[in-house]
C-alpha atoms as a PDB file:
ATOM      1  CA  MET A   1      -0.217  -0.047   0.092  1.00  0.00           C
ATOM      2  CA  VAL A   2       1.040   3.338  -1.220  1.00  0.00           C
ATOM      3  CA  SER A   3       2.505   5.382   2.012  1.00  0.00           C
ATOM      4  CA  TRP A   4       2.872   9.227   2.441  1.00  0.00           C
ATOM      5  CA  LYS A   5       6.635   8.601   3.424  1.00  0.00           C
ATOM      6  CA  GLY A   6       6.709   7.051   0.184  1.00  0.00           C
ATOM      7  CA  ILE A   7       5.144   9.772  -1.947  1.00  0.00           C
ATOM      8  CA  TYR A   8       7.027  12.290  -0.060  1.00  0.00           C
ATOM      9  CA  PHE A   9       9.822  10.467  -1.386  1.00  0.00           C
ATOM     10  CA  VAL A  10       9.656  10.005  -4.450  1.00  0.00           C
ATOM     11  CA  LEU A  11       7.945  13.426  -4.909  1.00  0.00           C
ATOM     12  CA  ALA A  12      10.858  15.361  -3.526  1.00  0.00           C
ATOM     13  CA  LEU A  13      13.590  13.823  -5.490  1.00  0.00           C
ATOM     14  CA  PHE A  14      11.443  13.918  -8.744  1.00  0.00           C
ATOM     15  CA  LEU A  15       9.927  17.922  -8.386  1.00  0.00           C
ATOM     16  CA  GLY A  16      13.955  18.921  -6.970  1.00  0.00           C
ATOM     17  CA  SER A  17      15.841  17.037 -10.526  1.00  0.00           C
ATOM     18  CA  PHE A  18      12.684  18.436 -12.660  1.00  0.00           C
ATOM     19  CA  PHE A  19      12.805  22.038 -11.706  1.00  0.00           C
ATOM     20  CA  GLY A  20      16.701  21.382 -11.153  1.00  0.00           C
ATOM     21  CA  SER A  21      17.782  20.432 -14.640  1.00  0.00           C
ATOM     22  CA  ILE A  22      15.644  23.360 -15.887  1.00  0.00           C
ATOM     23  CA  PHE A  23      16.586  26.328 -13.337  1.00  0.00           C
ATOM     24  CA  MET A  24      20.308  25.043 -12.343  1.00  0.00           C
ATOM     25  CA  LEU A  25      21.768  23.163 -14.838  1.00  0.00           C
ATOM     26  CA  GLY A  26      20.005  24.744 -18.145  1.00  0.00           C
ATOM     27  CA  PRO A  27      21.548  28.293 -17.733  1.00  0.00           C
ATOM     28  CA  PHE A  28      25.417  26.556 -17.791  1.00  0.00           C
ATOM     29  CA  LEU A  29      24.263  24.236 -20.850  1.00  0.00           C
ATOM     30  CA  PRO A  30      26.043  26.936 -23.405  1.00  0.00           C
ATOM     31  CA  LEU A  31      29.016  26.763 -21.120  1.00  0.00           C
ATOM     32  CA  MET A  32      29.738  23.107 -23.017  1.00  0.00           C
ATOM     33  CA  PHE A  33      30.980  25.195 -26.259  1.00  0.00           C
ATOM     34  CA  VAL A  34      33.650  27.501 -24.514  1.00  0.00           C
ATOM     35  CA  SER A  35      34.873  25.370 -21.978  1.00  0.00           C
ATOM     36  CA  LEU A  36      34.283  21.647 -20.859  1.00  0.00           C
ATOM     37  CA  ALA A  37      36.443  21.658 -18.127  1.00  0.00           C
ATOM     38  CA  TRP A  38      34.707  24.364 -16.280  1.00  0.00           C
ATOM     39  CA  TYR A  39      31.650  23.195 -17.715  1.00  0.00           C
ATOM     40  CA  ARG A  40      32.007  19.794 -16.177  1.00  0.00           C
ATOM     41  CA  TRP A  41      33.031  21.184 -13.179  1.00  0.00           C
ATOM     42  CA  ILE A  42      30.120  23.429 -12.489  1.00  0.00           C
ATOM     43  CA  THR A  43      27.516  21.068 -13.520  1.00  0.00           C
ATOM     44  CA  ASP A  44      29.057  18.359 -11.443  1.00  0.00           C
ATOM     45  CA  CYS A  45      28.952  20.334  -8.388  1.00  0.00           C
ATOM     46  CA  VAL A  46      25.277  21.403  -9.140  1.00  0.00           C
ATOM     47  CA  VAL A  47      24.194  17.809  -9.686  1.00  0.00           C
ATOM     48  CA  ALA A  48      26.039  17.163  -6.350  1.00  0.00           C
ATOM     49  CA  THR A  49      23.670  19.035  -4.130  1.00  0.00           C
ATOM     50  CA  TRP A  50      20.834  17.090  -5.366  1.00  0.00           C
ATOM     51  CA  LEU A  51      22.471  13.798  -4.766  1.00  0.00           C
ATOM     52  CA  THR A  52      22.639  14.737  -1.236  1.00  0.00           C
ATOM     53  CA  LEU A  53      18.980  14.765  -0.534  1.00  0.00           C
ATOM     54  CA  PRO A  54      18.313  11.359  -0.816  1.00  0.00           C
ATOM     55  CA  VAL A  55      20.781  11.313   1.639  1.00  0.00           C
ATOM     56  CA  ALA A  56      19.183  13.879   3.943  1.00  0.00           C
ATOM     57  CA  LEU A  57      15.582  12.379   3.714  1.00  0.00           C
ATOM     58  CA  LEU A  58      16.800   8.367   4.357  1.00  0.00           C
ATOM     59  CA  GLU A  59      19.079   9.350   7.191  1.00  0.00           C
ATOM     60  CA  MET A  60      17.140  12.702   9.150  1.00  0.00           C
ATOM     61  CA  VAL A  61      13.570  12.213   7.914  1.00  0.00           C
ATOM     62  CA  PHE A  62      13.153   8.020   8.000  1.00  0.00           C
ATOM     63  CA  GLY A  63      15.906   7.516  10.139  1.00  0.00           C
ATOM     64  CA  ALA A  64      18.355   5.153   8.193  1.00  0.00           C
ATOM     65  CA  LYS A  65      21.524   4.175   9.718  1.00  0.00           C
ATOM     66  CA  VAL A  66      24.605   3.568   7.698  1.00  0.00           C
ATOM     67  CA  VAL A  67      28.060   1.632   8.546  1.00  0.00           C
ATOM     68  CA  VAL A  68      30.561   1.935   6.412  1.00  0.00           C
ATOM     69  CA  THR A  69      33.226  -0.576   7.408  1.00  0.00           C
ATOM     70  CA  GLY A  70      36.689  -1.760   5.663  1.00  0.00           C
ATOM     71  CA  ASP A  71      39.244   0.171   3.288  1.00  0.00           C
ATOM     72  CA  GLY A  72      37.634   3.112   2.713  1.00  0.00           C
ATOM     73  CA  PHE A  73      38.148   5.716   0.272  1.00  0.00           C
ATOM     74  CA  VAL A  74      41.114   7.913  -0.669  1.00  0.00           C
ATOM     75  CA  PRO A  75      39.281  11.528  -1.417  1.00  0.00           C
ATOM     76  CA  GLY A  76      39.830  12.276  -5.193  1.00  0.00           C
ATOM     77  CA  GLU A  77      41.416   9.042  -6.376  1.00  0.00           C
ATOM     78  CA  ARG A  78      40.506   7.954  -9.874  1.00  0.00           C
ATOM     79  CA  SER A  79      38.333   4.199  -9.059  1.00  0.00           C
ATOM     80  CA  VAL A  80      36.127   1.944 -10.526  1.00  0.00           C
ATOM     81  CA  ILE A  81      33.896   1.143  -8.069  1.00  0.00           C
ATOM     82  CA  ILE A  82      31.925  -2.200  -8.552  1.00  0.00           C
ATOM     83  CA  MET A  83      29.176  -3.666  -6.336  1.00  0.00           C
ATOM     84  CA  ASN A  84      26.840  -6.214  -5.476  1.00  0.00           C
ATOM     85  CA  HIS A  85      23.090  -5.431  -6.540  1.00  0.00           C
ATOM     86  CA  ARG A  86      21.212  -6.710  -3.953  1.00  0.00           C
ATOM     87  CA  THR A  87      18.229  -4.382  -4.996  1.00  0.00           C
ATOM     88  CA  ARG A  88      17.536  -1.885  -7.475  1.00  0.00           C
ATOM     89  CA  MET A  89      17.998   0.972  -4.992  1.00  0.00           C
ATOM     90  CA  ASP A  90      22.042   0.246  -4.314  1.00  0.00           C
ATOM     91  CA  TRP A  91      23.542   2.437  -6.537  1.00  0.00           C
ATOM     92  CA  MET A  92      21.219   5.515  -4.659  1.00  0.00           C
ATOM     93  CA  PHE A  93      22.178   4.170  -1.500  1.00  0.00           C
ATOM     94  CA  LEU A  94      25.650   4.211  -2.160  1.00  0.00           C
ATOM     95  CA  TRP A  95      25.536   8.329  -2.219  1.00  0.00           C
ATOM     96  CA  ASN A  96      24.838   7.977   1.320  1.00  0.00           C
ATOM     97  CA  CYS A  97      28.860   6.226   1.910  1.00  0.00           C
ATOM     98  CA  LEU A  98      30.273   8.522  -0.538  1.00  0.00           C
ATOM     99  CA  LEU A  99      29.113  11.718   0.844  1.00  0.00           C
ATOM    100  CA  ARG A 100      31.113  10.367   4.244  1.00  0.00           C
ATOM    101  CA  TYR A 101      34.027   8.718   2.606  1.00  0.00           C
ATOM    102  CA  SER A 102      34.425  10.696  -0.912  1.00  0.00           C
ATOM    103  CA  TYR A 103      33.231  13.460  -3.111  1.00  0.00           C
ATOM    104  CA  LEU A 104      29.785  13.161  -4.642  1.00  0.00           C
ATOM    105  CA  ARG A 105      30.301  15.214  -7.952  1.00  0.00           C
ATOM    106  CA  LEU A 106      32.911  12.773  -9.067  1.00  0.00           C
ATOM    107  CA  GLU A 107      30.745   9.848  -9.535  1.00  0.00           C
ATOM    108  CA  LYS A 108      29.608   8.343 -12.513  1.00  0.00           C
ATOM    109  CA  ILE A 109      27.156   5.753 -12.820  1.00  0.00           C
ATOM    110  CA  CYS A 110      26.632   3.213 -15.723  1.00  0.00           C
ATOM    111  CA  LEU A 111      23.089   2.900 -16.351  1.00  0.00           C
ATOM    112  CA  LYS A 112      20.706   1.302 -18.803  1.00  0.00           C
ATOM    113  CA  SER A 113      20.312   4.074 -21.520  1.00  0.00           C
ATOM    114  CA  SER A 114      16.318   3.993 -21.234  1.00  0.00           C
ATOM    115  CA  LEU A 115      16.880   5.807 -18.169  1.00  0.00           C
ATOM    116  CA  LYS A 116      17.763   8.870 -19.708  1.00  0.00           C
ATOM    117  CA  SER A 117      14.348   9.484 -21.151  1.00  0.00           C
ATOM    118  CA  ILE A 118      13.014   9.899 -17.556  1.00  0.00           C
ATOM    119  CA  PRO A 119      12.187  14.046 -17.472  1.00  0.00           C
ATOM    120  CA  GLY A 120      14.363  15.564 -14.226  1.00  0.00           C
ATOM    121  CA  PHE A 121      16.090  12.783 -13.559  1.00  0.00           C
ATOM    122  CA  GLY A 122      16.938  11.681 -17.322  1.00  0.00           C
ATOM    123  CA  TRP A 123      17.884  15.209 -18.061  1.00  0.00           C
ATOM    124  CA  ALA A 124      19.855  15.717 -14.858  1.00  0.00           C
ATOM    125  CA  MET A 125      21.933  12.420 -15.744  1.00  0.00           C
ATOM    126  CA  GLN A 126      22.330  13.306 -19.459  1.00  0.00           C
ATOM    127  CA  VAL A 127      24.182  16.937 -17.886  1.00  0.00           C
ATOM    128  CA  ALA A 128      25.858  15.113 -15.303  1.00  0.00           C
ATOM    129  CA  ALA A 129      27.584  12.634 -18.212  1.00  0.00           C
ATOM    130  CA  PHE A 130      26.552   9.566 -16.756  1.00  0.00           C
ATOM    131  CA  VAL A 131      27.711   6.613 -18.773  1.00  0.00           C
ATOM    132  CA  PHE A 132      24.348   5.298 -20.888  1.00  0.00           C
ATOM    133  CA  ILE A 133      24.954   1.685 -22.213  1.00  0.00           C
ATOM    134  CA  GLN A 134      22.819  -0.640 -23.997  1.00  0.00           C
ATOM    135  CA  ARG A 135      23.537  -3.911 -21.815  1.00  0.00           C
ATOM    136  CA  LYS A 136      25.592  -4.993 -24.808  1.00  0.00           C
ATOM    137  CA  TRP A 137      29.118  -5.188 -24.613  1.00  0.00           C
ATOM    138  CA  GLU A 138      30.015  -5.408 -28.322  1.00  0.00           C
ATOM    139  CA  ASP A 139      27.744  -2.323 -28.629  1.00  0.00           C
ATOM    140  CA  ASP A 140      29.105  -0.110 -25.736  1.00  0.00           C
ATOM    141  CA  LYS A 141      32.384  -0.987 -26.071  1.00  0.00           C
ATOM    142  CA  SER A 142      33.397   1.676 -27.977  1.00  0.00           C
ATOM    143  CA  HIS A 143      31.325   4.511 -26.177  1.00  0.00           C
ATOM    144  CA  PHE A 144      32.533   3.522 -22.782  1.00  0.00           C
ATOM    145  CA  GLU A 145      36.278   3.897 -23.955  1.00  0.00           C
ATOM    146  CA  LYS A 146      35.576   8.015 -25.402  1.00  0.00           C
ATOM    147  CA  MET A 147      33.763   8.631 -21.940  1.00  0.00           C
ATOM    148  CA  LEU A 148      36.980   7.577 -20.205  1.00  0.00           C
ATOM    149  CA  ASP A 149      39.137   9.139 -22.461  1.00  0.00           C
ATOM    150  CA  TYR A 150      37.050  12.478 -22.546  1.00  0.00           C
ATOM    151  CA  PHE A 151      37.145  12.195 -18.981  1.00  0.00           C
ATOM    152  CA  CYS A 152      40.970  11.663 -18.626  1.00  0.00           C
ATOM    153  CA  ASP A 153      41.726  14.209 -21.043  1.00  0.00           C
ATOM    154  CA  ILE A 154      39.497  17.005 -18.915  1.00  0.00           C
ATOM    155  CA  ARG A 155      41.463  15.549 -15.939  1.00  0.00           C
ATOM    156  CA  GLU A 156      38.475  14.360 -14.249  1.00  0.00           C
ATOM    157  CA  PRO A 157      39.423  12.043 -10.901  1.00  0.00           C
ATOM    158  CA  LEU A 158      35.833  10.150 -11.254  1.00  0.00           C
ATOM    159  CA  GLN A 159      34.414   7.075  -9.435  1.00  0.00           C
ATOM    160  CA  LEU A 160      32.683   4.943 -11.574  1.00  0.00           C
ATOM    161  CA  LEU A 161      30.169   2.695 -10.734  1.00  0.00           C
ATOM    162  CA  ILE A 162      29.844  -0.328 -12.989  1.00  0.00           C
ATOM    163  CA  PHE A 163      28.555  -3.787 -13.213  1.00  0.00           C
ATOM    164  CA  PRO A 164      32.030  -5.498 -14.237  1.00  0.00           C
ATOM    165  CA  GLU A 165      31.006  -8.795 -16.133  1.00  0.00           C
ATOM    166  CA  GLY A 166      33.103  -8.099 -19.322  1.00  0.00           C
ATOM    167  CA  THR A 167      34.491  -4.760 -18.795  1.00  0.00           C
ATOM    168  CA  ASP A 168      38.535  -4.081 -18.691  1.00  0.00           C
ATOM    169  CA  LEU A 169      38.813  -2.691 -15.248  1.00  0.00           C
ATOM    170  CA  THR A 170      42.806  -2.007 -15.860  1.00  0.00           C
ATOM    171  CA  GLY A 171      44.651   1.035 -17.419  1.00  0.00           C
ATOM    172  CA  ASP A 172      46.749   3.645 -16.790  1.00  0.00           C
ATOM    173  CA  ASN A 173      43.935   6.120 -15.765  1.00  0.00           C
ATOM    174  CA  LEU A 174      42.934   4.138 -12.871  1.00  0.00           C
ATOM    175  CA  ASP A 175      44.735   4.631  -9.273  1.00  0.00           C
ATOM    176  CA  ALA A 176      42.151   1.637  -7.513  1.00  0.00           C
ATOM    177  CA  ILE A 177      39.309  -0.560  -7.584  1.00  0.00           C
ATOM    178  CA  HIS A 178      36.817  -0.475  -4.996  1.00  0.00           C
ATOM    179  CA  ASP A 179      34.674  -3.469  -4.172  1.00  0.00           C
ATOM    180  CA  ILE A 180      31.909  -2.332  -2.026  1.00  0.00           C
ATOM    181  CA  THR A 181      29.648  -5.037  -0.611  1.00  0.00           C
ATOM    182  CA  VAL A 182      26.293  -3.991   0.659  1.00  0.00           C
ATOM    183  CA  ALA A 183      24.072  -5.306   2.730  1.00  0.00           C
ATOM    184  CA  TYR A 184      20.744  -4.430   4.426  1.00  0.00           C
ATOM    185  CA  PRO A 185      20.095  -6.030   8.223  1.00  0.00           C
ATOM    186  CA  GLN A 186      16.262  -6.070   8.090  1.00  0.00           C
ATOM    187  CA  ASN A 187      13.871  -4.569   5.227  1.00  0.00           C
ATOM    188  CA  ILE A 188      15.463  -4.892   1.739  1.00  0.00           C
ATOM    189  CA  PRO A 189      13.535  -2.771  -0.391  1.00  0.00           C
ATOM    190  CA  GLN A 190      13.871  -4.267  -3.370  1.00  0.00           C
ATOM    191  CA  THR A 191      11.969  -2.218  -6.420  1.00  0.00           C
ATOM    192  CA  GLU A 192      11.064   1.273  -6.484  1.00  0.00           C
ATOM    193  CA  LYS A 193       7.603   0.426  -5.334  1.00  0.00           C
ATOM    194  CA  HIS A 194       8.912  -0.357  -2.073  1.00  0.00           C
ATOM    195  CA  LEU A 195       9.788   2.946  -1.506  1.00  0.00           C
ATOM    196  CA  LEU A 196       6.536   4.251  -2.149  1.00  0.00           C
ATOM    197  CA  ASN A 197       5.486   1.714   0.011  1.00  0.00           C
ATOM    198  CA  GLY A 198       7.288   3.269   2.722  1.00  0.00           C
ATOM    199  CA  ASN A 199       9.588   0.223   3.114  1.00  0.00           C
ATOM    200  CA  PHE A 200      13.080   2.639   3.400  1.00  0.00           C
ATOM    201  CA  PRO A 201      15.783   0.332   5.114  1.00  0.00           C
ATOM    202  CA  LYS A 202      16.854   0.972   8.682  1.00  0.00           C
ATOM    203  CA  GLU A 203      20.090   0.167   8.178  1.00  0.00           C
ATOM    204  CA  ILE A 204      23.009   0.214   5.323  1.00  0.00           C
ATOM    205  CA  HIS A 205      25.894  -1.479   5.597  1.00  0.00           C
ATOM    206  CA  PHE A 206      29.074  -1.144   3.417  1.00  0.00           C
ATOM    207  CA  HIS A 207      32.181  -3.079   3.225  1.00  0.00           C
ATOM    208  CA  VAL A 208      34.763  -1.205   1.007  1.00  0.00           C
ATOM    209  CA  GLN A 209      38.067  -3.292  -0.334  1.00  0.00           C
ATOM    210  CA  ARG A 210      40.488  -1.150  -2.010  1.00  0.00           C
ATOM    211  CA  TYR A 211      42.905  -2.849  -4.850  1.00  0.00           C
ATOM    212  CA  PRO A 212      45.566  -0.260  -6.165  1.00  0.00           C
ATOM    213  CA  ILE A 213      45.653  -0.832  -9.971  1.00  0.00           C
ATOM    214  CA  GLU A 214      49.040  -2.351 -10.001  1.00  0.00           C
ATOM    215  CA  THR A 215      47.477  -5.505  -7.954  1.00  0.00           C
ATOM    216  CA  VAL A 216      44.357  -6.122 -10.416  1.00  0.00           C
ATOM    217  CA  PRO A 217      45.909  -8.450 -13.390  1.00  0.00           C
ATOM    218  CA  THR A 218      45.942  -7.528 -17.359  1.00  0.00           C
ATOM    219  CA  SER A 219      44.792 -10.387 -19.322  1.00  0.00           C
ATOM    220  CA  LYS A 220      41.252 -11.193 -19.604  1.00  0.00           C
ATOM    221  CA  GLU A 221      41.590 -14.461 -18.293  1.00  0.00           C
ATOM    222  CA  GLU A 222      43.184 -13.523 -15.134  1.00  0.00           C
ATOM    223  CA  LEU A 223      40.718 -10.837 -14.939  1.00  0.00           C
ATOM    224  CA  GLN A 224      37.858 -12.835 -15.507  1.00  0.00           C
ATOM    225  CA  LEU A 225      39.302 -15.081 -12.479  1.00  0.00           C
ATOM    226  CA  TRP A 226      40.359 -11.822 -10.632  1.00  0.00           C
ATOM    227  CA  CYS A 227      36.429 -10.924 -10.600  1.00  0.00           C
ATOM    228  CA  ARG A 228      34.667 -14.527 -10.086  1.00  0.00           C
ATOM    229  CA  LYS A 229      37.451 -14.403  -7.085  1.00  0.00           C
ATOM    230  CA  ARG A 230      36.111 -10.811  -5.619  1.00  0.00           C
ATOM    231  CA  TRP A 231      32.141 -12.413  -6.065  1.00  0.00           C
ATOM    232  CA  GLU A 232      32.682 -15.378  -4.791  1.00  0.00           C
ATOM    233  CA  GLU A 233      34.693 -13.569  -1.376  1.00  0.00           C
ATOM    234  CA  LYS A 234      31.537 -11.214  -1.625  1.00  0.00           C
ATOM    235  CA  GLU A 235      28.793 -14.082  -1.250  1.00  0.00           C
ATOM    236  CA  GLU A 236      30.698 -15.695   1.556  1.00  0.00           C
ATOM    237  CA  ARG A 237      31.283 -12.119   3.591  1.00  0.00           C
ATOM    238  CA  LEU A 238      27.151 -11.912   3.012  1.00  0.00           C
ATOM    239  CA  ARG A 239      26.575 -15.103   4.340  1.00  0.00           C
ATOM    240  CA  HIS A 240      28.402 -14.434   7.055  1.00  0.00           C
ATOM    241  CA  PHE A 241      26.631 -11.180   7.309  1.00  0.00           C
ATOM    242  CA  TYR A 242      22.804 -12.658   7.630  1.00  0.00           C
ATOM    243  CA  GLU A 243      23.825 -15.715   9.499  1.00  0.00           C
ATOM    244  CA  GLY A 244      26.157 -13.816  12.146  1.00  0.00           C
ATOM    245  CA  GLY A 245      25.849 -11.146  13.927  1.00  0.00           C
ATOM    246  CA  LYS A 246      24.391  -8.643  11.266  1.00  0.00           C
ATOM    247  CA  CYS A 247      27.840  -6.807  10.811  1.00  0.00           C
ATOM    248  CA  PHE A 248      30.677  -6.458   8.492  1.00  0.00           C
ATOM    249  CA  SER A 249      33.624  -5.655  11.059  1.00  0.00           C
ATOM    250  CA  ALA A 250      33.615  -5.999  14.658  1.00  0.00           C
ATOM    251  CA  THR A 251      34.274  -2.455  15.275  1.00  0.00           C
ATOM    252  CA  GLY A 252      31.609  -0.944  12.835  1.00  0.00           C
ATOM    253  CA  GLN A 253      34.281   1.733  11.607  1.00  0.00           C
ATOM    254  CA  SER A 254      36.366   1.720   8.011  1.00  0.00           C
ATOM    255  CA  ILE A 255      40.355   1.484   8.229  1.00  0.00           C
ATOM    256  CA  ILE A 256      40.683   4.990   7.068  1.00  0.00           C
ATOM    257  CA  PRO A 257      38.648   7.542   8.446  1.00  0.00           C
ATOM    258  CA  PRO A 258      36.012   9.522   6.333  1.00  0.00           C
ATOM    259  CA  CYS A 259      36.996  12.622   4.884  1.00  0.00           C
ATOM    260  CA  LYS A 260      34.233  14.000   6.210  1.00  0.00           C
ATOM    261  CA  SER A 261      33.114  14.730  10.199  1.00  0.00           C
ATOM    262  CA  GLU A 262      29.538  13.501  10.690  1.00  0.00           C
ATOM    263  CA  LEU A 263      29.311  17.270  12.266  1.00  0.00           C
ATOM    264  CA  ARG A 264      29.859  18.397   8.675  1.00  0.00           C
ATOM    265  CA  VAL A 265      27.854  15.582   6.977  1.00  0.00           C
ATOM    266  CA  LEU A 266      25.130  16.677   9.468  1.00  0.00           C
ATOM    267  CA  ALA A 267      25.432  20.701   8.210  1.00  0.00           C
ATOM    268  CA  VAL A 268      25.315  18.933   4.463  1.00  0.00           C
ATOM    269  CA  LYS A 269      22.437  17.340   4.863  1.00  0.00           C
ATOM    270  CA  CYS A 270      20.358  19.867   7.135  1.00  0.00           C
ATOM    271  CA  ILE A 271      21.231  22.588   4.159  1.00  0.00           C
ATOM    272  CA  SER A 272      20.333  20.120   1.754  1.00  0.00           C
ATOM    273  CA  LEU A 273      16.830  19.131   3.178  1.00  0.00           C
ATOM    274  CA  LEU A 274      16.145  23.289   3.834  1.00  0.00           C
ATOM    275  CA  TYR A 275      17.446  24.013   0.451  1.00  0.00           C
ATOM    276  CA  TRP A 276      15.093  21.341  -1.722  1.00  0.00           C
ATOM    277  CA  THR A 277      12.231  21.596   0.321  1.00  0.00           C
ATOM    278  CA  VAL A 278      12.181  25.623  -0.621  1.00  0.00           C
ATOM    279  CA  PHE A 279      13.471  24.899  -3.880  1.00  0.00           C
ATOM    280  CA  PRO A 280      10.327  23.345  -5.753  1.00  0.00           C
ATOM    281  CA  PRO A 281       7.613  25.930  -4.372  1.00  0.00           C
ATOM    282  CA  GLY A 282       9.889  28.934  -5.002  1.00  0.00           C
ATOM    283  CA  MET A 283      10.035  28.272  -8.771  1.00  0.00           C
ATOM    284  CA  LEU A 284       6.729  27.422  -8.818  1.00  0.00           C
ATOM    285  CA  ALA A 285       5.935  30.904  -7.800  1.00  0.00           C
ATOM    286  CA  LEU A 286       8.403  31.962 -10.209  1.00  0.00           C
ATOM    287  CA  LEU A 287       6.478  30.750 -12.862  1.00  0.00           C
ATOM    288  CA  TYR A 288       3.096  31.807 -11.799  1.00  0.00           C
ATOM    289  CA  LEU A 289       4.668  35.549 -11.538  1.00  0.00           C
ATOM    290  CA  TYR A 290       6.573  36.058 -14.692  1.00  0.00           C
ATOM    291  CA  SER A 291       5.935  35.386 -18.094  1.00  0.00           C
ATOM    292  CA  PHE A 292       9.674  35.233 -19.064  1.00  0.00           C
ATOM    293  CA  ALA A 293      10.315  32.351 -16.252  1.00  0.00           C
ATOM    294  CA  ARG A 294       7.161  30.728 -18.650  1.00  0.00           C
ATOM    295  CA  TRP A 295       8.638  30.890 -21.657  1.00  0.00           C
ATOM    296  CA  TYR A 296      12.237  29.918 -20.705  1.00  0.00           C
ATOM    297  CA  PHE A 297      10.471  26.679 -18.636  1.00  0.00           C
ATOM    298  CA  ALA A 298       8.367  25.521 -21.954  1.00  0.00           C
ATOM    299  CA  ALA A 299      12.369  26.281 -24.119  1.00  0.00           C
ATOM    300  CA  MET A 300      14.098  23.690 -22.055  1.00  0.00           C
ATOM    301  CA  ILE A 301      11.440  21.201 -21.437  1.00  0.00           C
ATOM    302  CA  VAL A 302      11.219  21.481 -25.511  1.00  0.00           C
ATOM    303  CA  PHE A 303      15.276  21.633 -25.734  1.00  0.00           C
ATOM    304  CA  PHE A 304      15.728  18.798 -23.866  1.00  0.00           C
ATOM    305  CA  VAL A 305      12.747  16.386 -25.739  1.00  0.00           C
ATOM    306  CA  VAL A 306      13.818  17.342 -29.547  1.00  0.00           C
ATOM    307  CA  GLN A 307      17.910  17.181 -28.501  1.00  0.00           C
ATOM    308  CA  GLN A 308      17.727  13.557 -27.408  1.00  0.00           C
ATOM    309  CA  LYS A 309      15.558  12.652 -30.226  1.00  0.00           C
ATOM    310  CA  ILE A 310      17.838  14.522 -32.792  1.00  0.00           C
ATOM    311  CA  PHE A 311      21.553  13.682 -31.209  1.00  0.00           C
ATOM    312  CA  GLY A 312      20.564  10.995 -28.351  1.00  0.00           C
ATOM    313  CA  GLY A 313      21.746  12.898 -25.208  1.00  0.00           C
ATOM    314  CA  LEU A 314      23.284  16.124 -23.874  1.00  0.00           C
ATOM    315  CA  GLU A 315      26.743  13.162 -22.844  1.00  0.00           C
ATOM    316  CA  LEU A 316      26.401  12.647 -26.560  1.00  0.00           C
ATOM    317  CA  ILE A 317      26.399  16.490 -27.551  1.00  0.00           C
ATOM    318  CA  GLU A 318      29.167  16.581 -24.879  1.00  0.00           C
ATOM    319  CA  LEU A 319      31.305  14.074 -26.386  1.00  0.00           C
ATOM    320  CA  ALA A 320      30.982  15.242 -29.665  1.00  0.00           C
ATOM    321  CA  CYS A 321      32.776  18.805 -28.229  1.00  0.00           C
ATOM    322  CA  HIS A 322      35.117  17.077 -27.034  1.00  0.00           C
ATOM    323  CA  ARG A 323      36.751  15.734 -30.259  1.00  0.00           C
ATOM    324  CA  TYR A 324      35.628  19.130 -32.457  1.00  0.00           C
ATOM    325  CA  PHE A 325      38.128  20.887 -29.592  1.00  0.00           C
ATOM    326  CA  LYS A 326      40.578  17.593 -29.720  1.00  0.00           C
ATOM    327  CA  LYS A 327      40.629  18.619 -33.264  1.00  0.00           C
ATOM    328  CA  GLN A 328      41.072  22.304 -33.574  1.00  0.00           C
ATOM    329  CA  GLN A 329      43.859  21.503 -31.149  1.00  0.00           C
ATOM    330  CA  LYS A 330      45.676  19.126 -33.231  1.00  0.00           C
ATOM    331  CA  PHE A 331      45.180  21.512 -36.228  1.00  0.00           C
ATOM    332  CA  HIS A 332      46.847  24.220 -34.109  1.00  0.00           C
ATOM    333  CA  ASP A 333      49.657  22.210 -32.786  1.00  0.00           C
ATOM    334  CA  THR A 334      50.517  21.284 -36.709  1.00  0.00           C
ATOM    335  CA  LYS A 335      50.363  24.856 -37.612  1.00  0.00           C
ATOM    336  CA  ILE A 336      52.992  25.696 -34.861  1.00  0.00           C
ATOM    337  CA  LYS A 337      55.021  23.066 -35.957  1.00  0.00           C
ATOM    338  CA  THR A 338      55.016  24.021 -39.666  1.00  0.00           C
ATOM    339  CA  ASN A 339      55.119  27.617 -39.262  1.00  0.00           C
END
């Protein structure tokens, strides 16, 4: 049965992403054609403000407890995150961990391409340059490599959450691989419908294993065996968790301390909750009072829909801009050498 908690959670996230895409991200879209590095940094920061909202709602409104054990993160390092999927919501719950141990603006997620069409959520994910895939590695490999090359060229120290099957996890552009095991000692919300029914997790436990990239095998066969071994360890860890004391570590703490104090995390959550509670009604008032706001609102909705139909998404336009700037730079360098 649908509960008021679930409706409030979903509505708050949708309205925040919908109006945020139009009024917070929209004005910065032209920057893509001027400086990709600045465009990426600014839009990532804006998107990160929204990513704090589900964290604030889960912990402050619905009382979820977050426990992180294991190695933790080294803030700012370039890494791939591989994680088991107990539910369809694990990727969102991971933000509770990253808020404390890393920077939310650095996280990118591999998602199925159909999600980019969702108004609000999908638009914001396009601007954030999430990696959208068809779940067919033969088709996705080229796009995946182009996105990684792009992030490296603009020196973006991303942390990429992926499904590891069939993916090359090695390379000179990574510092580490973070293997995260997530578990829920009590209720486990499997789908969006469970959240809508108000079935929020009471506790979320994360266990982090950090593997420096030089310790990861490079050949395809050895890498597959390495991934299989990590998954076997993960299953054994989960078995001990659910059959034992419902915890990954007796200490309940990570080896590496979080980069943010709990006081700072609390301040971020309070500000996020306040801002995203006021922002949607404020934008509705703006639309009611001013005709230019209504014209801009309508134009941005048309733009988000049309650009996806024609170009396939804002992240693809961003890649095209990167290729153009790179080509222009090579031409400029060649011209200088010739002269």
